[in-house]
Amino acid sequence: MFSEIRFLVALLGSVVGGAYDLKTTEIPDIIPHAMIILALFLAIVESLIQHSYLPIFYSLVAGLPFLAFGFLLYYFGQWGGGDAKLLAAIVFLLPTKPNFLNFNFLLPFPLTYLLNVLYVGAGYMILYALVLAFMEKKILREFFKRVEASATFFSLVALACFIAFFATNLYFTSVLDLEKDLFILLRNSVLPLVLFVSLILLWKFVRVVEDVGFKKRIPVSKLKVGDVLLESKRWDGITEAELRKIKKSGKKFVTIKTGVRFGPVFSLALLFTFFYGDVTFFLTRYLI
């Protein structure tokens, strides 16, 4: 019963937090704080019922390191504070594999969930960037402009890579005394080339989204509490006092930055874990 309650609290809290993130670009502190308090309360009750210290011990031993890990990402500007707290809150609630999950996990459940967050988050960020690009046409224009500008260099690199891949395949075919089939040689050279080119284009596209879609120069009159200034090293929105100071400084314009609203990933990763288990096993089983 406790496993089901904890999972439902984690799912509901992460859904609400993700919805706030999409709407306001930040997760209210009260959501992860309430989840952590409820997690510890449930762990204490379970410990008393079972006459065992293990439930509260597991919650603290798993949750505290994840709280530290999340704030490390926050400190280096990779995540917002709300994301860090929400991750920790889920681990406080689910320090071990829920009893109703019938999947095998190679790693402890919190680490499995973290990997699922990273995998799901990668797909989510790519989809988010694509949607943003189609909403803001200037992103696509800038992307094609940069690709066109480097087309000659890019073509030469692609040609050099193809020759290298083909020579490598030919070498190993000779060393292993395999049949020299031209079609197989070409296929085994083109496939890694396509992957390489795709990764380069994806990297260039992400850089354009960061430079064009996530940075905006706005009048100071439109600046509001919670906006993140470009020069800020961490994802800390400005306070009311900082806003008044900027307005009094005489500046006419400031540049703010936004980012991928990552909050929904935590609930999506939970749902993925519920339906499919470990994403690594899933990829191995169905996609490879």
C-alpha atoms as a PDB file:
ATOM      1  CA  MET A   1       0.000   0.000   0.000  1.00  0.00           C
ATOM      2  CA  PHE A   2       2.788   2.449   0.888  1.00  0.00           C
ATOM      3  CA  SER A   3       4.479   1.896  -2.497  1.00  0.00           C
ATOM      4  CA  GLU A   4       1.312   2.825  -4.357  1.00  0.00           C
ATOM      5  CA  ILE A   5       0.723   5.934  -2.216  1.00  0.00           C
ATOM      6  CA  ARG A   6       4.296   7.149  -2.607  1.00  0.00           C
ATOM      7  CA  PHE A   7       4.225   6.592  -6.372  1.00  0.00           C
ATOM      8  CA  LEU A   8       0.919   8.451  -6.752  1.00  0.00           C
ATOM      9  CA  VAL A   9       2.221  11.371  -4.675  1.00  0.00           C
ATOM     10  CA  ALA A  10       5.408  11.488  -6.785  1.00  0.00           C
ATOM     11  CA  LEU A  11       3.425  11.359 -10.023  1.00  0.00           C
ATOM     12  CA  LEU A  12       0.846  13.950  -8.958  1.00  0.00           C
ATOM     13  CA  GLY A  13       3.476  16.308  -7.552  1.00  0.00           C
ATOM     14  CA  SER A  14       5.651  16.068 -10.660  1.00  0.00           C
ATOM     15  CA  VAL A  15       2.649  16.623 -12.958  1.00  0.00           C
ATOM     16  CA  VAL A  16       1.610  19.756 -11.055  1.00  0.00           C
ATOM     17  CA  GLY A  17       5.215  20.992 -10.920  1.00  0.00           C
ATOM     18  CA  GLY A  18       5.656  20.396 -14.656  1.00  0.00           C
ATOM     19  CA  ALA A  19       2.415  22.229 -15.430  1.00  0.00           C
ATOM     20  CA  TYR A  20       3.567  25.248 -13.409  1.00  0.00           C
ATOM     21  CA  ASP A  21       6.930  25.151 -15.180  1.00  0.00           C
ATOM     22  CA  LEU A  22       5.280  25.210 -18.606  1.00  0.00           C
ATOM     23  CA  LYS A  23       2.967  28.052 -17.582  1.00  0.00           C
ATOM     24  CA  THR A  24       5.256  30.274 -15.512  1.00  0.00           C
ATOM     25  CA  THR A  25       8.800  28.962 -16.311  1.00  0.00           C
ATOM     26  CA  GLU A  26       9.387  28.048 -12.656  1.00  0.00           C
ATOM     27  CA  ILE A  27       8.324  25.383 -10.179  1.00  0.00           C
ATOM     28  CA  PRO A  28       6.947  26.824  -6.907  1.00  0.00           C
ATOM     29  CA  ASP A  29       9.026  25.733  -3.913  1.00  0.00           C
ATOM     30  CA  ILE A  30       5.914  24.615  -2.059  1.00  0.00           C
ATOM     31  CA  ILE A  31       5.446  21.637  -4.413  1.00  0.00           C
ATOM     32  CA  PRO A  32       8.787  19.821  -3.861  1.00  0.00           C
ATOM     33  CA  HIS A  33       8.845  20.941  -0.209  1.00  0.00           C
ATOM     34  CA  ALA A  34       5.413  19.408   0.405  1.00  0.00           C
ATOM     35  CA  MET A  35       6.475  16.233  -1.430  1.00  0.00           C
ATOM     36  CA  ILE A  36       9.600  15.856   0.736  1.00  0.00           C
ATOM     37  CA  ILE A  37       7.645  16.440   3.962  1.00  0.00           C
ATOM     38  CA  LEU A  38       5.023  13.907   2.911  1.00  0.00           C
ATOM     39  CA  ALA A  39       7.749  11.437   1.885  1.00  0.00           C
ATOM     40  CA  LEU A  40       9.380  11.623   5.315  1.00  0.00           C
ATOM     41  CA  PHE A  41       5.994  11.410   7.064  1.00  0.00           C
ATOM     42  CA  LEU A  42       5.063   8.268   5.116  1.00  0.00           C
ATOM     43  CA  ALA A  43       8.495   6.759   5.779  1.00  0.00           C
ATOM     44  CA  ILE A  44       8.153   7.396   9.528  1.00  0.00           C
ATOM     45  CA  VAL A  45       4.661   5.873   9.605  1.00  0.00           C
ATOM     46  CA  GLU A  46       5.857   2.820   7.657  1.00  0.00           C
ATOM     47  CA  SER A  47       8.840   2.442  10.002  1.00  0.00           C
ATOM     48  CA  LEU A  48       6.536   2.514  13.031  1.00  0.00           C
ATOM     49  CA  ILE A  49       4.139  -0.021  11.519  1.00  0.00           C
ATOM     50  CA  GLN A  50       6.948  -2.381  10.495  1.00  0.00           C
ATOM     51  CA  HIS A  51       8.952  -1.772  13.697  1.00  0.00           C
ATOM     52  CA  SER A  52      11.936  -1.130  11.442  1.00  0.00           C
ATOM     53  CA  TYR A  53      14.116   1.905  10.807  1.00  0.00           C
ATOM     54  CA  LEU A  54      14.705   0.875   7.174  1.00  0.00           C
ATOM     55  CA  PRO A  55      11.916   2.876   5.436  1.00  0.00           C
ATOM     56  CA  ILE A  56      13.049   6.222   6.889  1.00  0.00           C
ATOM     57  CA  PHE A  57      16.699   5.189   6.515  1.00  0.00           C
ATOM     58  CA  TYR A  58      16.270   4.386   2.804  1.00  0.00           C
ATOM     59  CA  SER A  59      14.387   7.648   2.203  1.00  0.00           C
ATOM     60  CA  LEU A  60      17.124   9.770   3.764  1.00  0.00           C
ATOM     61  CA  VAL A  61      20.076   7.809   2.353  1.00  0.00           C
ATOM     62  CA  ALA A  62      18.682   8.036  -1.187  1.00  0.00           C
ATOM     63  CA  GLY A  63      17.075  11.476  -1.050  1.00  0.00           C
ATOM     64  CA  LEU A  64      19.847  13.549   0.502  1.00  0.00           C
ATOM     65  CA  PRO A  65      22.547  12.654  -2.090  1.00  0.00           C
ATOM     66  CA  PHE A  66      20.097  13.385  -4.899  1.00  0.00           C
ATOM     67  CA  LEU A  67      19.271  16.719  -3.301  1.00  0.00           C
ATOM     68  CA  ALA A  68      23.010  17.494  -3.253  1.00  0.00           C
ATOM     69  CA  PHE A  69      23.391  16.295  -6.857  1.00  0.00           C
ATOM     70  CA  GLY A  70      20.494  18.442  -8.030  1.00  0.00           C
ATOM     71  CA  PHE A  71      21.875  21.537  -6.336  1.00  0.00           C
ATOM     72  CA  LEU A  72      25.275  20.827  -7.895  1.00  0.00           C
ATOM     73  CA  LEU A  73      23.623  20.993 -11.325  1.00  0.00           C
ATOM     74  CA  TYR A  74      21.831  24.163 -10.201  1.00  0.00           C
ATOM     75  CA  TYR A  75      25.069  25.740  -8.946  1.00  0.00           C
ATOM     76  CA  PHE A  76      26.770  25.189 -12.306  1.00  0.00           C
ATOM     77  CA  GLY A  77      23.785  26.600 -14.170  1.00  0.00           C
ATOM     78  CA  GLN A  78      22.548  23.369 -15.730  1.00  0.00           C
ATOM     79  CA  TRP A  79      19.201  23.160 -13.903  1.00  0.00           C
ATOM     80  CA  GLY A  80      16.851  25.483 -12.116  1.00  0.00           C
ATOM     81  CA  GLY A  81      16.399  25.194  -8.364  1.00  0.00           C
ATOM     82  CA  GLY A  82      12.881  23.825  -8.831  1.00  0.00           C
ATOM     83  CA  ASP A  83      14.149  20.992 -11.023  1.00  0.00           C
ATOM     84  CA  ALA A  84      16.774  20.064  -8.434  1.00  0.00           C
ATOM     85  CA  LYS A  85      14.242  19.962  -5.602  1.00  0.00           C
ATOM     86  CA  LEU A  86      11.658  18.058  -7.636  1.00  0.00           C
ATOM     87  CA  LEU A  87      14.159  15.325  -8.513  1.00  0.00           C
ATOM     88  CA  ALA A  88      15.146  14.969  -4.854  1.00  0.00           C
ATOM     89  CA  ALA A  89      11.502  14.938  -3.733  1.00  0.00           C
ATOM     90  CA  ILE A  90      10.721  12.030  -6.061  1.00  0.00           C
ATOM     91  CA  VAL A  91      13.702  10.067  -4.745  1.00  0.00           C
ATOM     92  CA  PHE A  92      12.710  10.795  -1.123  1.00  0.00           C
ATOM     93  CA  LEU A  93       9.342   9.281  -2.024  1.00  0.00           C
ATOM     94  CA  LEU A  94      10.734   6.360  -4.060  1.00  0.00           C
ATOM     95  CA  PRO A  95      14.098   5.344  -2.560  1.00  0.00           C
ATOM     96  CA  THR A  96      13.578   1.708  -3.552  1.00  0.00           C
ATOM     97  CA  LYS A  97      11.766  -0.042  -6.393  1.00  0.00           C
ATOM     98  CA  PRO A  98       7.984   0.049  -5.847  1.00  0.00           C
ATOM     99  CA  ASN A  99       6.607  -3.411  -5.063  1.00  0.00           C
ATOM    100  CA  PHE A 100       4.100  -3.310  -7.916  1.00  0.00           C
ATOM    101  CA  LEU A 101       6.755  -2.894 -10.624  1.00  0.00           C
ATOM    102  CA  ASN A 102       7.623  -6.253 -12.182  1.00  0.00           C
ATOM    103  CA  PHE A 103      10.647  -5.080 -14.145  1.00  0.00           C
ATOM    104  CA  ASN A 104      14.268  -6.016 -13.549  1.00  0.00           C
ATOM    105  CA  PHE A 105      16.570  -3.097 -12.837  1.00  0.00           C
ATOM    106  CA  LEU A 106      20.320  -3.305 -13.273  1.00  0.00           C
ATOM    107  CA  LEU A 107      20.919  -0.364 -10.899  1.00  0.00           C
ATOM    108  CA  PRO A 108      19.217   0.793  -7.682  1.00  0.00           C
ATOM    109  CA  PHE A 109      15.853   2.346  -8.466  1.00  0.00           C
ATOM    110  CA  PRO A 110      16.877   6.017  -7.900  1.00  0.00           C
ATOM    111  CA  LEU A 111      19.782   5.651 -10.341  1.00  0.00           C
ATOM    112  CA  THR A 112      17.549   3.874 -12.843  1.00  0.00           C
ATOM    113  CA  TYR A 113      15.041   6.700 -12.562  1.00  0.00           C
ATOM    114  CA  LEU A 114      17.800   9.295 -13.021  1.00  0.00           C
ATOM    115  CA  LEU A 115      18.938   7.568 -16.232  1.00  0.00           C
ATOM    116  CA  ASN A 116      15.326   7.490 -17.415  1.00  0.00           C
ATOM    117  CA  VAL A 117      15.098  11.238 -16.691  1.00  0.00           C
ATOM    118  CA  LEU A 118      18.233  11.849 -18.770  1.00  0.00           C
ATOM    119  CA  TYR A 119      17.067   9.683 -21.702  1.00  0.00           C
ATOM    120  CA  VAL A 120      13.510  11.024 -21.706  1.00  0.00           C
ATOM    121  CA  GLY A 121      14.870  14.524 -21.145  1.00  0.00           C
ATOM    122  CA  ALA A 122      17.104  14.282 -24.218  1.00  0.00           C
ATOM    123  CA  GLY A 123      14.160  13.375 -26.443  1.00  0.00           C
ATOM    124  CA  TYR A 124      11.997  16.012 -24.793  1.00  0.00           C
ATOM    125  CA  MET A 125      14.592  18.748 -25.330  1.00  0.00           C
ATOM    126  CA  ILE A 126      14.994  17.879 -29.019  1.00  0.00           C
ATOM    127  CA  LEU A 127      11.209  17.921 -29.509  1.00  0.00           C
ATOM    128  CA  TYR A 128      10.947  21.171 -27.511  1.00  0.00           C
ATOM    129  CA  ALA A 129      13.615  22.799 -29.684  1.00  0.00           C
ATOM    130  CA  LEU A 130      11.883  21.651 -32.894  1.00  0.00           C
ATOM    131  CA  VAL A 131       8.515  23.007 -31.761  1.00  0.00           C
ATOM    132  CA  LEU A 132      10.142  26.301 -30.762  1.00  0.00           C
ATOM    133  CA  ALA A 133      11.881  26.496 -34.138  1.00  0.00           C
ATOM    134  CA  PHE A 134       8.621  26.072 -36.039  1.00  0.00           C
ATOM    135  CA  MET A 135       6.932  28.657 -33.805  1.00  0.00           C
ATOM    136  CA  GLU A 136       9.743  31.169 -34.305  1.00  0.00           C
ATOM    137  CA  LYS A 137      10.678  31.169 -37.990  1.00  0.00           C
ATOM    138  CA  LYS A 138      13.825  33.217 -37.361  1.00  0.00           C
ATOM    139  CA  ILE A 139      15.405  30.137 -35.758  1.00  0.00           C
ATOM    140  CA  LEU A 140      15.021  28.069 -38.929  1.00  0.00           C
ATOM    141  CA  ARG A 141      16.199  30.979 -41.078  1.00  0.00           C
ATOM    142  CA  GLU A 142      19.323  31.380 -38.957  1.00  0.00           C
ATOM    143  CA  PHE A 143      19.930  27.605 -38.956  1.00  0.00           C
ATOM    144  CA  PHE A 144      19.783  27.325 -42.751  1.00  0.00           C
ATOM    145  CA  LYS A 145      21.898  30.488 -43.033  1.00  0.00           C
ATOM    146  CA  ARG A 146      24.640  28.977 -40.872  1.00  0.00           C
ATOM    147  CA  VAL A 147      24.494  25.623 -42.683  1.00  0.00           C
ATOM    148  CA  GLU A 148      24.769  27.380 -46.036  1.00  0.00           C
ATOM    149  CA  ALA A 149      27.663  29.496 -44.811  1.00  0.00           C
ATOM    150  CA  SER A 150      29.653  26.411 -43.835  1.00  0.00           C
ATOM    151  CA  ALA A 151      28.423  24.157 -46.669  1.00  0.00           C
ATOM    152  CA  THR A 152      31.798  23.907 -48.460  1.00  0.00           C
ATOM    153  CA  PHE A 153      33.753  23.098 -45.303  1.00  0.00           C
ATOM    154  CA  PHE A 154      31.012  20.725 -44.152  1.00  0.00           C
ATOM    155  CA  SER A 155      31.033  18.880 -47.512  1.00  0.00           C
ATOM    156  CA  LEU A 156      34.819  18.445 -47.401  1.00  0.00           C
ATOM    157  CA  VAL A 157      34.639  17.067 -43.837  1.00  0.00           C
ATOM    158  CA  ALA A 158      31.845  14.668 -44.856  1.00  0.00           C
ATOM    159  CA  LEU A 159      33.859  13.482 -47.872  1.00  0.00           C
ATOM    160  CA  ALA A 160      36.964  12.956 -45.734  1.00  0.00           C
ATOM    161  CA  CYS A 161      34.925  10.990 -43.189  1.00  0.00           C
ATOM    162  CA  PHE A 162      33.395   8.805 -45.907  1.00  0.00           C
ATOM    163  CA  ILE A 163      36.857   8.002 -47.291  1.00  0.00           C
ATOM    164  CA  ALA A 164      38.084   7.213 -43.782  1.00  0.00           C
ATOM    165  CA  PHE A 165      35.074   4.972 -43.044  1.00  0.00           C
ATOM    166  CA  PHE A 166      35.422   3.193 -46.408  1.00  0.00           C
ATOM    167  CA  ALA A 167      39.180   2.660 -45.952  1.00  0.00           C
ATOM    168  CA  THR A 168      38.611   1.323 -42.429  1.00  0.00           C
ATOM    169  CA  ASN A 169      35.941  -1.116 -43.614  1.00  0.00           C
ATOM    170  CA  LEU A 170      38.161  -2.233 -46.510  1.00  0.00           C
ATOM    171  CA  TYR A 171      41.091  -2.749 -44.125  1.00  0.00           C
ATOM    172  CA  PHE A 172      39.117  -4.894 -41.664  1.00  0.00           C
ATOM    173  CA  THR A 173      37.568  -6.845 -44.527  1.00  0.00           C
ATOM    174  CA  SER A 174      41.065  -7.732 -45.733  1.00  0.00           C
ATOM    175  CA  VAL A 175      42.427  -8.473 -42.234  1.00  0.00           C
ATOM    176  CA  LEU A 176      39.490 -10.733 -41.371  1.00  0.00           C
ATOM    177  CA  ASP A 177      39.585 -12.303 -44.826  1.00  0.00           C
ATOM    178  CA  LEU A 178      35.934 -11.462 -45.549  1.00  0.00           C
ATOM    179  CA  GLU A 179      34.288 -11.274 -48.955  1.00  0.00           C
ATOM    180  CA  LYS A 180      34.847  -7.853 -50.538  1.00  0.00           C
ATOM    181  CA  ASP A 181      31.265  -6.959 -51.415  1.00  0.00           C
ATOM    182  CA  LEU A 182      31.080  -3.380 -52.723  1.00  0.00           C
ATOM    183  CA  PHE A 183      27.469  -2.942 -51.589  1.00  0.00           C
ATOM    184  CA  ILE A 184      28.308  -4.011 -48.015  1.00  0.00           C
ATOM    185  CA  LEU A 185      31.396  -1.795 -47.969  1.00  0.00           C
ATOM    186  CA  LEU A 186      29.377   1.209 -49.124  1.00  0.00           C
ATOM    187  CA  ARG A 187      26.545   0.482 -46.687  1.00  0.00           C
ATOM    188  CA  ASN A 188      28.927   0.150 -43.732  1.00  0.00           C
ATOM    189  CA  SER A 189      30.564   3.427 -44.738  1.00  0.00           C
ATOM    190  CA  VAL A 190      27.429   5.451 -45.449  1.00  0.00           C
ATOM    191  CA  LEU A 191      25.532   4.516 -42.262  1.00  0.00           C
ATOM    192  CA  PRO A 192      28.133   5.910 -39.808  1.00  0.00           C
ATOM    193  CA  LEU A 193      28.535   8.928 -42.107  1.00  0.00           C
ATOM    194  CA  VAL A 194      24.796   9.624 -41.947  1.00  0.00           C
ATOM    195  CA  LEU A 195      24.920   9.321 -38.141  1.00  0.00           C
ATOM    196  CA  PHE A 196      27.935  11.645 -37.967  1.00  0.00           C
ATOM    197  CA  VAL A 197      26.334  14.252 -40.240  1.00  0.00           C
ATOM    198  CA  SER A 198      23.065  14.054 -38.290  1.00  0.00           C
ATOM    199  CA  LEU A 199      24.856  14.664 -34.991  1.00  0.00           C
ATOM    200  CA  ILE A 200      26.737  17.649 -36.442  1.00  0.00           C
ATOM    201  CA  LEU A 201      23.519  19.159 -37.810  1.00  0.00           C
ATOM    202  CA  LEU A 202      21.748  18.509 -34.501  1.00  0.00           C
ATOM    203  CA  TRP A 203      24.563  20.225 -32.602  1.00  0.00           C
ATOM    204  CA  LYS A 204      24.422  23.207 -34.967  1.00  0.00           C
ATOM    205  CA  PHE A 205      20.632  23.367 -34.649  1.00  0.00           C
ATOM    206  CA  VAL A 206      20.777  23.309 -30.833  1.00  0.00           C
ATOM    207  CA  ARG A 207      23.359  26.113 -30.859  1.00  0.00           C
ATOM    208  CA  VAL A 208      21.060  28.220 -33.064  1.00  0.00           C
ATOM    209  CA  VAL A 209      18.121  27.589 -30.730  1.00  0.00           C
ATOM    210  CA  GLU A 210      20.269  28.675 -27.772  1.00  0.00           C
ATOM    211  CA  ASP A 211      21.530  31.817 -29.535  1.00  0.00           C
ATOM    212  CA  VAL A 212      18.284  32.895 -31.193  1.00  0.00           C
ATOM    213  CA  GLY A 213      15.372  31.267 -29.383  1.00  0.00           C
ATOM    214  CA  PHE A 214      16.553  31.425 -25.773  1.00  0.00           C
ATOM    215  CA  LYS A 215      17.987  34.948 -25.718  1.00  0.00           C
ATOM    216  CA  LYS A 216      15.841  38.047 -25.990  1.00  0.00           C
ATOM    217  CA  ARG A 217      16.653  41.758 -25.824  1.00  0.00           C
ATOM    218  CA  ILE A 218      13.702  43.500 -24.210  1.00  0.00           C
ATOM    219  CA  PRO A 219      12.922  47.017 -22.927  1.00  0.00           C
ATOM    220  CA  VAL A 220      13.482  47.428 -19.203  1.00  0.00           C
ATOM    221  CA  SER A 221       9.818  48.431 -18.956  1.00  0.00           C
ATOM    222  CA  LYS A 222       8.849  44.845 -19.890  1.00  0.00           C
ATOM    223  CA  LEU A 223      11.292  43.205 -17.470  1.00  0.00           C
ATOM    224  CA  LYS A 224       9.512  41.375 -14.647  1.00  0.00           C
ATOM    225  CA  VAL A 225      10.297  39.518 -11.455  1.00  0.00           C
ATOM    226  CA  GLY A 226      11.521  36.000 -12.235  1.00  0.00           C
ATOM    227  CA  ASP A 227      13.206  36.871 -15.551  1.00  0.00           C
ATOM    228  CA  VAL A 228      16.772  35.563 -15.784  1.00  0.00           C
ATOM    229  CA  LEU A 229      19.406  38.023 -16.998  1.00  0.00           C
ATOM    230  CA  LEU A 230      21.834  36.751 -19.633  1.00  0.00           C
ATOM    231  CA  GLU A 231      24.867  37.403 -17.420  1.00  0.00           C
ATOM    232  CA  SER A 232      23.445  35.321 -14.554  1.00  0.00           C
ATOM    233  CA  LYS A 233      25.538  32.177 -14.083  1.00  0.00           C
ATOM    234  CA  ARG A 234      22.691  30.328 -12.370  1.00  0.00           C
ATOM    235  CA  TRP A 235      19.003  30.109 -13.198  1.00  0.00           C
ATOM    236  CA  ASP A 236      17.986  32.681 -10.590  1.00  0.00           C
ATOM    237  CA  GLY A 237      15.221  35.046 -11.623  1.00  0.00           C
ATOM    238  CA  ILE A 238      15.558  38.646 -10.535  1.00  0.00           C
ATOM    239  CA  THR A 239      13.839  39.756  -7.338  1.00  0.00           C
ATOM    240  CA  GLU A 240      11.583  42.746  -6.780  1.00  0.00           C
ATOM    241  CA  ALA A 241      14.507  44.694  -5.283  1.00  0.00           C
ATOM    242  CA  GLU A 242      16.773  43.860  -8.248  1.00  0.00           C
ATOM    243  CA  LEU A 243      14.040  44.897 -10.675  1.00  0.00           C
ATOM    244  CA  ARG A 244      13.709  48.305  -9.001  1.00  0.00           C
ATOM    245  CA  LYS A 245      17.500  48.724  -9.062  1.00  0.00           C
ATOM    246  CA  ILE A 246      17.672  47.977 -12.806  1.00  0.00           C
ATOM    247  CA  LYS A 247      14.872  50.418 -13.557  1.00  0.00           C
ATOM    248  CA  LYS A 248      16.647  53.128 -11.566  1.00  0.00           C
ATOM    249  CA  SER A 249      19.950  52.457 -13.360  1.00  0.00           C
ATOM    250  CA  GLY A 250      18.809  54.256 -16.499  1.00  0.00           C
ATOM    251  CA  LYS A 251      19.201  51.227 -18.773  1.00  0.00           C
ATOM    252  CA  LYS A 252      16.799  51.141 -21.693  1.00  0.00           C
ATOM    253  CA  PHE A 253      17.239  47.500 -22.700  1.00  0.00           C
ATOM    254  CA  VAL A 254      18.442  44.253 -21.107  1.00  0.00           C
ATOM    255  CA  THR A 255      19.018  40.773 -22.491  1.00  0.00           C
ATOM    256  CA  ILE A 256      17.281  37.881 -20.759  1.00  0.00           C
ATOM    257  CA  LYS A 257      17.643  34.167 -21.296  1.00  0.00           C
ATOM    258  CA  THR A 258      15.158  31.362 -21.187  1.00  0.00           C
ATOM    259  CA  GLY A 259      15.665  27.641 -21.457  1.00  0.00           C
ATOM    260  CA  VAL A 260      13.876  24.380 -21.981  1.00  0.00           C
ATOM    261  CA  ARG A 261      11.068  24.096 -19.449  1.00  0.00           C
ATOM    262  CA  PHE A 262      12.305  20.810 -18.075  1.00  0.00           C
ATOM    263  CA  GLY A 263       9.690  20.257 -15.348  1.00  0.00           C
ATOM    264  CA  PRO A 264       7.383  17.913 -17.337  1.00  0.00           C
ATOM    265  CA  VAL A 265      10.266  15.462 -17.868  1.00  0.00           C
ATOM    266  CA  PHE A 266      10.060  14.166 -14.286  1.00  0.00           C
ATOM    267  CA  SER A 267       6.474  12.951 -14.622  1.00  0.00           C
ATOM    268  CA  LEU A 268       7.127  11.621 -18.140  1.00  0.00           C
ATOM    269  CA  ALA A 269      10.125   9.642 -16.843  1.00  0.00           C
ATOM    270  CA  LEU A 270       7.982   8.257 -14.003  1.00  0.00           C
ATOM    271  CA  LEU A 271       5.330   7.121 -16.463  1.00  0.00           C
ATOM    272  CA  PHE A 272       7.977   5.589 -18.705  1.00  0.00           C
ATOM    273  CA  THR A 273       9.383   3.731 -15.700  1.00  0.00           C
ATOM    274  CA  PHE A 274       5.900   2.505 -14.767  1.00  0.00           C
ATOM    275  CA  PHE A 275       5.086   1.176 -18.241  1.00  0.00           C
ATOM    276  CA  TYR A 276       8.500   0.096 -19.561  1.00  0.00           C
ATOM    277  CA  GLY A 277      10.943  -0.077 -16.636  1.00  0.00           C
ATOM    278  CA  ASP A 278      14.609   0.612 -17.310  1.00  0.00           C
ATOM    279  CA  VAL A 279      15.041   2.657 -20.497  1.00  0.00           C
ATOM    280  CA  THR A 280      18.396   0.966 -21.189  1.00  0.00           C
ATOM    281  CA  PHE A 281      16.763  -2.473 -21.206  1.00  0.00           C
ATOM    282  CA  PHE A 282      13.923  -1.068 -23.305  1.00  0.00           C
ATOM    283  CA  LEU A 283      16.293   0.264 -25.969  1.00  0.00           C
ATOM    284  CA  THR A 284      18.258  -2.984 -25.995  1.00  0.00           C
ATOM    285  CA  ARG A 285      15.134  -5.092 -26.300  1.00  0.00           C
ATOM    286  CA  TYR A 286      13.109  -3.138 -28.845  1.00  0.00           C
ATOM    287  CA  LEU A 287      15.373  -0.793 -30.773  1.00  0.00           C
ATOM    288  CA  ILE A 288      18.761  -2.487 -31.083  1.00  0.00           C
END
